[in-house]
Amino acid sequence: MLETASRSVTVRNAHGLHARPSHAVVSLATRFEARITLRRGERQADARSILAVMTLGAAHGDEVEITAQGVDAAAAVEELAELFEQGFQEIGK
């Protein structure tokens, strides 16, 4: 049975989802079997595509919805949410 999980997070790092944080999202997303998408407003991105994640245009303070569907969906959402909450370890840079 496919599991579905979702969670809203806030972009906390100063420069938003630029190349380095987008790469971190993709690197983490590829470790899971679940299909993971990110949504900001009307835009949606496959979390396994760095170009798609970057073109979300998510800036500091924006809300992003993480949704995953698959056998490890809850774990995928939890780990990605933690990555966002840590500000990709570049808060204030």
Protein backbone atom coordinates (compact mmCIF):
# COMPACT_ATOMS: atom_id res chain seq x y z
CA MET A 1 0.00 0.00 0.00
CA LEU A 2 1.32 3.43 -0.93
CA GLU A 3 1.77 5.88 1.88
CA THR A 4 1.23 9.62 1.40
CA ALA A 5 2.70 12.32 3.62
CA SER A 6 2.99 16.09 3.39
CA ARG A 7 4.22 19.00 5.43
CA SER A 8 4.63 22.74 5.00
CA VAL A 9 8.01 24.29 5.72
CA THR A 10 9.43 27.79 5.58
CA VAL A 11 12.58 28.64 3.65
CA ARG A 12 14.85 29.87 6.43
CA ASN A 13 18.18 30.44 4.72
CA ALA A 14 18.91 33.98 3.57
CA HIS A 15 19.24 33.29 -0.15
CA GLY A 16 16.41 30.81 -0.69
CA LEU A 17 16.61 27.72 -2.86
CA HIS A 18 19.67 28.62 -4.92
CA ALA A 19 22.04 25.99 -6.34
CA ARG A 20 23.58 24.62 -3.12
CA PRO A 21 20.31 24.09 -1.19
CA SER A 22 18.63 22.73 -4.32
CA HIS A 23 21.44 20.21 -4.69
CA ALA A 24 20.96 19.20 -1.03
CA VAL A 25 17.23 18.63 -1.67
CA VAL A 26 17.91 16.50 -4.74
CA SER A 27 20.66 14.50 -3.02
CA LEU A 28 18.36 13.69 -0.12
CA ALA A 29 15.31 13.00 -2.30
CA THR A 30 17.16 10.41 -4.39
CA ARG A 31 17.75 8.30 -1.28
CA PHE A 32 14.04 7.50 -1.06
CA GLU A 33 11.75 5.37 -3.19
CA ALA A 34 8.83 7.76 -2.70
CA ARG A 35 7.86 10.24 -5.39
CA ILE A 36 8.52 13.63 -3.79
CA THR A 37 7.23 16.98 -4.96
CA LEU A 38 7.71 20.51 -3.70
CA ARG A 39 5.09 23.20 -4.20
CA ARG A 40 5.33 26.96 -3.78
CA GLY A 41 2.13 28.70 -4.73
CA GLU A 42 1.11 27.48 -8.17
CA ARG A 43 4.55 26.07 -9.00
CA GLN A 44 5.40 22.42 -8.43
CA ALA A 45 8.74 20.63 -8.75
CA ASP A 46 10.00 17.07 -8.76
CA ALA A 47 12.42 16.96 -5.81
CA ARG A 48 14.80 14.79 -7.87
CA SER A 49 15.35 17.55 -10.45
CA ILE A 50 17.75 20.33 -9.48
CA LEU A 51 16.49 22.55 -12.29
CA ALA A 52 12.87 22.06 -11.22
CA VAL A 53 13.70 22.80 -7.56
CA MET A 54 15.63 25.95 -8.48
CA THR A 55 12.85 27.23 -10.75
CA LEU A 56 10.37 27.16 -7.87
CA GLY A 57 11.88 30.54 -7.07
CA ALA A 58 11.53 29.94 -3.32
CA ALA A 59 13.05 32.85 -1.40
CA HIS A 60 13.70 33.45 2.29
CA GLY A 61 10.42 33.32 4.19
CA ASP A 62 8.45 31.51 1.48
CA GLU A 63 6.32 28.53 2.42
CA VAL A 64 6.98 25.28 0.56
CA GLU A 65 4.75 22.20 0.72
CA ILE A 66 6.63 18.89 0.66
CA THR A 67 4.53 15.93 -0.50
CA ALA A 68 5.67 12.34 -0.91
CA GLN A 69 3.92 9.19 -2.04
CA GLY A 70 5.44 5.74 -1.65
CA VAL A 71 6.55 3.17 0.89
CA ASP A 72 8.91 5.58 2.65
CA ALA A 73 6.89 8.79 2.20
CA ALA A 74 6.75 9.78 5.87
CA ALA A 75 10.49 9.39 6.34
CA ALA A 76 11.19 11.35 3.15
CA VAL A 77 8.99 14.26 4.22
CA GLU A 78 10.45 14.27 7.73
CA GLU A 79 14.07 14.35 6.54
CA LEU A 80 13.44 17.01 3.91
CA ALA A 81 11.54 19.15 6.43
CA GLU A 82 14.51 18.89 8.79
CA LEU A 83 16.82 20.06 6.00
CA PHE A 84 14.63 23.14 5.46
CA GLU A 85 14.35 23.78 9.21
CA GLN A 86 18.14 23.75 9.54
CA GLY A 87 18.30 26.42 6.83
CA PHE A 88 20.53 24.12 4.78
CA GLN A 89 23.14 25.03 7.40
CA GLU A 90 23.64 28.45 5.87
CA ILE A 91 21.31 30.74 7.86
CA GLY A 92 22.71 34.24 7.89
CA LYS A 93 25.21 33.68 5.10
